[in-house]
Amino acid sequence: GWTRVPISPGGRLRPESQWSHDAAGGVLTCRGDRGHEWLRWDREVGDGVLHVEWRFVPVEGEKPGYNSGVMIRN
């Protein structure tokens, strides 16, 4: 139920996704090395509580800065 979307309108997605989903554990993982994109959940939701645990895992030899986070669109 997730859709990859390019950040820039009209942009293109790379063929290989940087996202993976572990349905059993309910975990989304982004490698962060395959383009500038976001992930959209395809179901509409109503009132509720959203619980998010978010972290970075440094990659040895990669640049030290990150540009990511969790954003809720309304």
PDB file of N, CA and C in Angstrom:
ATOM      1  N   GLY A   1       0.789  -1.215   0.000  1.00  0.00           N
ATOM      2  CA  GLY A   1       0.000   0.000   0.000  1.00  0.00           C
ATOM      3  C   GLY A   1       0.824   1.269   0.000  1.00  0.00           C
ATOM      4  N   TRP A   2       2.097   1.213  -0.411  1.00  0.00           N
ATOM      5  CA  TRP A   2       2.961   2.392  -0.453  1.00  0.00           C
ATOM      6  C   TRP A   2       3.294   2.733  -1.907  1.00  0.00           C
ATOM      7  N   THR A   3       3.385   4.029  -2.199  1.00  0.00           N
ATOM      8  CA  THR A   3       3.739   4.498  -3.540  1.00  0.00           C
ATOM      9  C   THR A   3       4.934   5.427  -3.454  1.00  0.00           C
ATOM     10  N   ARG A   4       5.940   5.186  -4.283  1.00  0.00           N
ATOM     11  CA  ARG A   4       7.103   6.080  -4.371  1.00  0.00           C
ATOM     12  C   ARG A   4       6.736   7.272  -5.241  1.00  0.00           C
ATOM     13  N   VAL A   5       7.142   8.459  -4.806  1.00  0.00           N
ATOM     14  CA  VAL A   5       6.828   9.689  -5.530  1.00  0.00           C
ATOM     15  C   VAL A   5       8.097  10.543  -5.587  1.00  0.00           C
ATOM     16  N   PRO A   6       8.459  11.084  -6.786  1.00  0.00           N
ATOM     17  CA  PRO A   6       9.633  11.957  -6.849  1.00  0.00           C
ATOM     18  C   PRO A   6       9.367  13.270  -6.128  1.00  0.00           C
ATOM     19  N   ILE A   7      10.403  13.829  -5.528  1.00  0.00           N
ATOM     20  CA  ILE A   7      10.272  15.102  -4.814  1.00  0.00           C
ATOM     21  C   ILE A   7       9.933  16.230  -5.785  1.00  0.00           C
ATOM     22  N   SER A   8      10.632  16.352  -6.869  1.00  0.00           N
ATOM     23  CA  SER A   8      10.356  17.407  -7.844  1.00  0.00           C
ATOM     24  C   SER A   8       9.157  17.027  -8.701  1.00  0.00           C
ATOM     25  N   PRO A   9       8.166  17.921  -8.850  1.00  0.00           N
ATOM     26  CA  PRO A   9       7.047  17.612  -9.738  1.00  0.00           C
ATOM     27  C   PRO A   9       7.569  17.286 -11.140  1.00  0.00           C
ATOM     28  N   GLY A  10       7.080  16.239 -11.717  1.00  0.00           N
ATOM     29  CA  GLY A  10       7.539  15.841 -13.043  1.00  0.00           C
ATOM     30  C   GLY A  10       8.868  15.115 -13.029  1.00  0.00           C
ATOM     31  N   GLY A  11       9.443  14.908 -11.841  1.00  0.00           N
ATOM     32  CA  GLY A  11      10.716  14.206 -11.730  1.00  0.00           C
ATOM     33  C   GLY A  11      10.555  12.729 -12.041  1.00  0.00           C
ATOM     34  N   ARG A  12      11.665  12.036 -12.136  1.00  0.00           N
ATOM     35  CA  ARG A  12      11.645  10.608 -12.433  1.00  0.00           C
ATOM     36  C   ARG A  12      12.207   9.806 -11.276  1.00  0.00           C
ATOM     37  N   LEU A  13      11.654   8.631 -11.116  1.00  0.00           N
ATOM     38  CA  LEU A  13      12.141   7.709 -10.098  1.00  0.00           C
ATOM     39  C   LEU A  13      13.181   6.794 -10.717  1.00  0.00           C
ATOM     40  N   ARG A  14      14.176   6.440  -9.957  1.00  0.00           N
ATOM     41  CA  ARG A  14      15.136   5.432 -10.415  1.00  0.00           C
ATOM     42  C   ARG A  14      14.437   4.078 -10.433  1.00  0.00           C
ATOM     43  N   PRO A  15      14.853   3.182 -11.333  1.00  0.00           N
ATOM     44  CA  PRO A  15      14.189   1.873 -11.425  1.00  0.00           C
ATOM     45  C   PRO A  15      14.238   1.062 -10.127  1.00  0.00           C
ATOM     46  N   GLU A  16      15.354   1.112  -9.421  1.00  0.00           N
ATOM     47  CA  GLU A  16      15.494   0.334  -8.195  1.00  0.00           C
ATOM     48  C   GLU A  16      15.129   1.212  -7.000  1.00  0.00           C
ATOM     49  N   SER A  17      14.184   0.757  -6.206  1.00  0.00           N
ATOM     50  CA  SER A  17      13.724   1.527  -5.055  1.00  0.00           C
ATOM     51  C   SER A  17      14.753   1.523  -3.935  1.00  0.00           C
ATOM     52  N   GLN A  18      14.843   2.637  -3.231  1.00  0.00           N
ATOM     53  CA  GLN A  18      15.683   2.706  -2.043  1.00  0.00           C
ATOM     54  C   GLN A  18      14.887   2.312  -0.798  1.00  0.00           C
ATOM     55  N   TRP A  19      13.600   2.045  -0.970  1.00  0.00           N
ATOM     56  CA  TRP A  19      12.720   1.712   0.136  1.00  0.00           C
ATOM     57  C   TRP A  19      12.505   0.207   0.241  1.00  0.00           C
ATOM     58  N   SER A  20      12.399  -0.288   1.469  1.00  0.00           N
ATOM     59  CA  SER A  20      11.993  -1.663   1.702  1.00  0.00           C
ATOM     60  C   SER A  20      11.013  -1.662   2.881  1.00  0.00           C
ATOM     61  N   HIS A  21      10.143  -2.664   2.914  1.00  0.00           N
ATOM     62  CA  HIS A  21       9.120  -2.733   3.945  1.00  0.00           C
ATOM     63  C   HIS A  21       9.106  -4.123   4.552  1.00  0.00           C
ATOM     64  N   ASP A  22       9.241  -4.180   5.850  1.00  0.00           N
ATOM     65  CA  ASP A  22       9.127  -5.429   6.594  1.00  0.00           C
ATOM     66  C   ASP A  22       7.733  -5.446   7.202  1.00  0.00           C
ATOM     67  N   ALA A  23       6.797  -6.122   6.522  1.00  0.00           N
ATOM     68  CA  ALA A  23       5.404  -6.126   6.972  1.00  0.00           C
ATOM     69  C   ALA A  23       5.248  -6.766   8.345  1.00  0.00           C
ATOM     70  N   ALA A  24       6.000  -7.822   8.619  1.00  0.00           N
ATOM     71  CA  ALA A  24       5.885  -8.518   9.901  1.00  0.00           C
ATOM     72  C   ALA A  24       6.273  -7.603  11.060  1.00  0.00           C
ATOM     73  N   GLY A  25       7.336  -6.807  10.878  1.00  0.00           N
ATOM     74  CA  GLY A  25       7.792  -5.915  11.935  1.00  0.00           C
ATOM     75  C   GLY A  25       7.223  -4.514  11.835  1.00  0.00           C
ATOM     76  N   GLY A  26       6.545  -4.211  10.723  1.00  0.00           N
ATOM     77  CA  GLY A  26       5.980  -2.874  10.530  1.00  0.00           C
ATOM     78  C   GLY A  26       7.046  -1.804  10.361  1.00  0.00           C
ATOM     79  N   VAL A  27       8.166  -2.165   9.714  1.00  0.00           N
ATOM     80  CA  VAL A  27       9.287  -1.240   9.590  1.00  0.00           C
ATOM     81  C   VAL A  27       9.509  -0.853   8.132  1.00  0.00           C
ATOM     82  N   LEU A  28       9.618   0.453   7.893  1.00  0.00           N
ATOM     83  CA  LEU A  28      10.027   0.982   6.594  1.00  0.00           C
ATOM     84  C   LEU A  28      11.492   1.358   6.695  1.00  0.00           C
ATOM     85  N   THR A  29      12.273   1.024   5.681  1.00  0.00           N
ATOM     86  CA  THR A  29      13.686   1.369   5.664  1.00  0.00           C
ATOM     87  C   THR A  29      14.005   2.085   4.360  1.00  0.00           C
ATOM     88  N   CYS A  30      14.759   3.170   4.471  1.00  0.00           N
ATOM     89  CA  CYS A  30      15.223   3.916   3.291  1.00  0.00           C
ATOM     90  C   CYS A  30      16.742   3.916   3.298  1.00  0.00           C
ATOM     91  N   ARG A  31      17.323   3.408   2.209  1.00  0.00           N
ATOM     92  CA  ARG A  31      18.782   3.401   2.092  1.00  0.00           C
ATOM     93  C   ARG A  31      19.317   4.815   1.868  1.00  0.00           C
ATOM     94  N   GLY A  32      18.535   5.666   1.211  1.00  0.00           N
ATOM     95  CA  GLY A  32      18.932   7.051   1.016  1.00  0.00           C
ATOM     96  C   GLY A  32      19.961   7.272  -0.070  1.00  0.00           C
ATOM     97  N   ASP A  33      20.156   6.285  -0.949  1.00  0.00           N
ATOM     98  CA  ASP A  33      21.193   6.428  -1.967  1.00  0.00           C
ATOM     99  C   ASP A  33      20.672   6.254  -3.392  1.00  0.00           C
ATOM    100  N   ARG A  34      19.375   6.343  -3.578  1.00  0.00           N
ATOM    101  CA  ARG A  34      18.824   6.113  -4.921  1.00  0.00           C
ATOM    102  C   ARG A  34      17.829   7.188  -5.326  1.00  0.00           C
ATOM    103  N   GLY A  35      18.198   8.424  -5.176  1.00  0.00           N
ATOM    104  CA  GLY A  35      17.349   9.501  -5.658  1.00  0.00           C
ATOM    105  C   GLY A  35      16.699  10.310  -4.555  1.00  0.00           C
ATOM    106  N   HIS A  36      15.965  11.299  -4.977  1.00  0.00           N
ATOM    107  CA  HIS A  36      15.300  12.241  -4.077  1.00  0.00           C
ATOM    108  C   HIS A  36      13.798  11.990  -4.210  1.00  0.00           C
ATOM    109  N   GLU A  37      13.252  11.232  -3.283  1.00  0.00           N
ATOM    110  CA  GLU A  37      11.858  10.837  -3.377  1.00  0.00           C
ATOM    111  C   GLU A  37      11.251  10.682  -1.996  1.00  0.00           C
ATOM    112  N   TRP A  38       9.950  10.541  -1.964  1.00  0.00           N
ATOM    113  CA  TRP A  38       9.257  10.286  -0.717  1.00  0.00           C
ATOM    114  C   TRP A  38       8.309   9.116  -0.918  1.00  0.00           C
ATOM    115  N   LEU A  39       7.782   8.612   0.181  1.00  0.00           N
ATOM    116  CA  LEU A  39       6.914   7.453   0.149  1.00  0.00           C
ATOM    117  C   LEU A  39       5.539   7.859   0.665  1.00  0.00           C
ATOM    118  N   ARG A  40       4.506   7.486  -0.085  1.00  0.00           N
ATOM    119  CA  ARG A  40       3.127   7.848   0.274  1.00  0.00           C
ATOM    120  C   ARG A  40       2.345   6.586   0.611  1.00  0.00           C
ATOM    121  N   TRP A  41       1.615   6.628   1.729  1.00  0.00           N
ATOM    122  CA  TRP A  41       0.731   5.525   2.085  1.00  0.00           C
ATOM    123  C   TRP A  41      -0.574   5.729   1.343  1.00  0.00           C
ATOM    124  N   ASP A  42      -1.086   4.711   0.690  1.00  0.00           N
ATOM    125  CA  ASP A  42      -2.208   4.850  -0.223  1.00  0.00           C
ATOM    126  C   ASP A  42      -3.587   4.812   0.432  1.00  0.00           C
ATOM    127  N   ARG A  43      -3.639   4.627   1.723  1.00  0.00           N
ATOM    128  CA  ARG A  43      -4.938   4.588   2.394  1.00  0.00           C
ATOM    129  C   ARG A  43      -5.246   5.916   3.060  1.00  0.00           C
ATOM    130  N   GLU A  44      -6.500   6.320   3.002  1.00  0.00           N
ATOM    131  CA  GLU A  44      -6.940   7.517   3.710  1.00  0.00           C
ATOM    132  C   GLU A  44      -7.222   7.132   5.154  1.00  0.00           C
ATOM    133  N   VAL A  45      -6.815   7.991   6.079  1.00  0.00           N
ATOM    134  CA  VAL A  45      -7.050   7.730   7.495  1.00  0.00           C
ATOM    135  C   VAL A  45      -7.804   8.896   8.111  1.00  0.00           C
ATOM    136  N   GLY A  46      -8.448   8.636   9.221  1.00  0.00           N
ATOM    137  CA  GLY A  46      -9.196   9.673   9.930  1.00  0.00           C
ATOM    138  C   GLY A  46      -8.514  10.022  11.229  1.00  0.00           C
ATOM    139  N   ASP A  47      -9.316  10.383  12.202  1.00  0.00           N
ATOM    140  CA  ASP A  47      -8.785  10.734  13.520  1.00  0.00           C
ATOM    141  C   ASP A  47      -8.035   9.553  14.112  1.00  0.00           C
ATOM    142  N   GLY A  48      -6.945   9.844  14.783  1.00  0.00           N
ATOM    143  CA  GLY A  48      -6.186   8.769  15.392  1.00  0.00           C
ATOM    144  C   GLY A  48      -4.892   9.288  15.977  1.00  0.00           C
ATOM    145  N   VAL A  49      -4.077   8.366  16.381  1.00  0.00           N
ATOM    146  CA  VAL A  49      -2.771   8.677  16.958  1.00  0.00           C
ATOM    147  C   VAL A  49      -1.715   8.037  16.067  1.00  0.00           C
ATOM    148  N   LEU A  50      -0.699   8.802  15.716  1.00  0.00           N
ATOM    149  CA  LEU A  50       0.404   8.300  14.915  1.00  0.00           C
ATOM    150  C   LEU A  50       1.636   8.168  15.810  1.00  0.00           C
ATOM    151  N   HIS A  51       2.201   6.989  15.826  1.00  0.00           N
ATOM    152  CA  HIS A  51       3.417   6.746  16.606  1.00  0.00           C
ATOM    153  C   HIS A  51       4.543   6.451  15.617  1.00  0.00           C
ATOM    154  N   VAL A  52       5.621   7.219  15.695  1.00  0.00           N
ATOM    155  CA  VAL A  52       6.749   7.046  14.785  1.00  0.00           C
ATOM    156  C   VAL A  52       8.031   6.955  15.603  1.00  0.00           C
ATOM    157  N   GLU A  53       8.835   5.968  15.288  1.00  0.00           N
ATOM    158  CA  GLU A  53      10.192   5.893  15.827  1.00  0.00           C
ATOM    159  C   GLU A  53      11.102   6.034  14.625  1.00  0.00           C
ATOM    160  N   TRP A  54      12.033   6.958  14.669  1.00  0.00           N
ATOM    161  CA  TRP A  54      12.826   7.346  13.513  1.00  0.00           C
ATOM    162  C   TRP A  54      14.276   7.472  13.922  1.00  0.00           C
ATOM    163  N   ARG A  55      15.181   6.974  13.079  1.00  0.00           N
ATOM    164  CA  ARG A  55      16.604   7.069  13.412  1.00  0.00           C
ATOM    165  C   ARG A  55      17.438   7.006  12.138  1.00  0.00           C
ATOM    166  N   PHE A  56      18.669   7.465  12.274  1.00  0.00           N
ATOM    167  CA  PHE A  56      19.668   7.354  11.218  1.00  0.00           C
ATOM    168  C   PHE A  56      20.642   6.250  11.575  1.00  0.00           C
ATOM    169  N   VAL A  57      21.080   5.540  10.584  1.00  0.00           N
ATOM    170  CA  VAL A  57      22.153   4.572  10.764  1.00  0.00           C
ATOM    171  C   VAL A  57      23.296   5.056   9.882  1.00  0.00           C
ATOM    172  N   PRO A  58      24.371   5.601  10.466  1.00  0.00           N
ATOM    173  CA  PRO A  58      25.481   6.115   9.656  1.00  0.00           C
ATOM    174  C   PRO A  58      26.070   5.033   8.753  1.00  0.00           C
ATOM    175  N   VAL A  59      26.449   5.443   7.558  1.00  0.00           N
ATOM    176  CA  VAL A  59      27.075   4.537   6.602  1.00  0.00           C
ATOM    177  C   VAL A  59      28.544   4.920   6.490  1.00  0.00           C
ATOM    178  N   GLU A  60      29.418   3.980   6.811  1.00  0.00           N
ATOM    179  CA  GLU A  60      30.863   4.222   6.776  1.00  0.00           C
ATOM    180  C   GLU A  60      31.293   4.676   5.380  1.00  0.00           C
ATOM    181  N   GLY A  61      32.064   5.769   5.317  1.00  0.00           N
ATOM    182  CA  GLY A  61      32.592   6.255   4.056  1.00  0.00           C
ATOM    183  C   GLY A  61      31.668   7.204   3.304  1.00  0.00           C
ATOM    184  N   GLU A  62      30.457   7.402   3.773  1.00  0.00           N
ATOM    185  CA  GLU A  62      29.519   8.310   3.123  1.00  0.00           C
ATOM    186  C   GLU A  62      29.664   9.710   3.715  1.00  0.00           C
ATOM    187  N   LYS A  63      29.131  10.699   3.022  1.00  0.00           N
ATOM    188  CA  LYS A  63      29.193  12.067   3.540  1.00  0.00           C
ATOM    189  C   LYS A  63      28.457  12.161   4.873  1.00  0.00           C
ATOM    190  N   PRO A  64      28.884  13.036   5.772  1.00  0.00           N
ATOM    191  CA  PRO A  64      28.356  13.056   7.129  1.00  0.00           C
ATOM    192  C   PRO A  64      26.958  13.676   7.263  1.00  0.00           C
ATOM    193  N   GLY A  65      26.504  14.485   6.316  1.00  0.00           N
ATOM    194  CA  GLY A  65      25.217  15.161   6.457  1.00  0.00           C
ATOM    195  C   GLY A  65      24.055  14.329   5.978  1.00  0.00           C
ATOM    196  N   TYR A  66      22.902  14.527   6.584  1.00  0.00           N
ATOM    197  CA  TYR A  66      21.677  13.839   6.184  1.00  0.00           C
ATOM    198  C   TYR A  66      20.585  14.878   5.987  1.00  0.00           C
ATOM    199  N   ASN A  67      19.649  14.578   5.122  1.00  0.00           N
ATOM    200  CA  ASN A  67      18.499  15.443   4.904  1.00  0.00           C
ATOM    201  C   ASN A  67      17.282  14.534   4.837  1.00  0.00           C
ATOM    202  N   SER A  68      16.695  14.287   5.990  1.00  0.00           N
ATOM    203  CA  SER A  68      15.565  13.369   6.031  1.00  0.00           C
ATOM    204  C   SER A  68      14.738  13.659   7.252  1.00  0.00           C
ATOM    205  N   GLY A  69      13.660  12.928   7.376  1.00  0.00           N
ATOM    206  CA  GLY A  69      12.805  13.083   8.527  1.00  0.00           C
ATOM    207  C   GLY A  69      11.452  12.465   8.266  1.00  0.00           C
ATOM    208  N   VAL A  70      10.517  12.803   9.105  1.00  0.00           N
ATOM    209  CA  VAL A  70       9.157  12.322   8.977  1.00  0.00           C
ATOM    210  C   VAL A  70       8.268  13.529   8.766  1.00  0.00           C
ATOM    211  N   MET A  71       7.469  13.497   7.723  1.00  0.00           N
ATOM    212  CA  MET A  71       6.580  14.611   7.428  1.00  0.00           C
ATOM    213  C   MET A  71       5.178  14.071   7.213  1.00  0.00           C
ATOM    214  N   ILE A  72       4.221  14.701   7.806  1.00  0.00           N
ATOM    215  CA  ILE A  72       2.824  14.335   7.639  1.00  0.00           C
ATOM    216  C   ILE A  72       2.178  15.414   6.780  1.00  0.00           C
ATOM    217  N   ARG A  73       1.592  15.000   5.685  1.00  0.00           N
ATOM    218  CA  ARG A  73       0.924  15.953   4.798  1.00  0.00           C
ATOM    219  C   ARG A  73      -0.567  15.944   5.082  1.00  0.00           C
ATOM    220  N   ASN A  74      -1.168  17.119   5.017  1.00  0.00           N
ATOM    221  CA  ASN A  74      -2.610  17.174   5.203  1.00  0.00           C
ATOM    222  C   ASN A  74      -3.285  17.863   4.044  1.00  0.00           C
TER     223      ASN A  74
END
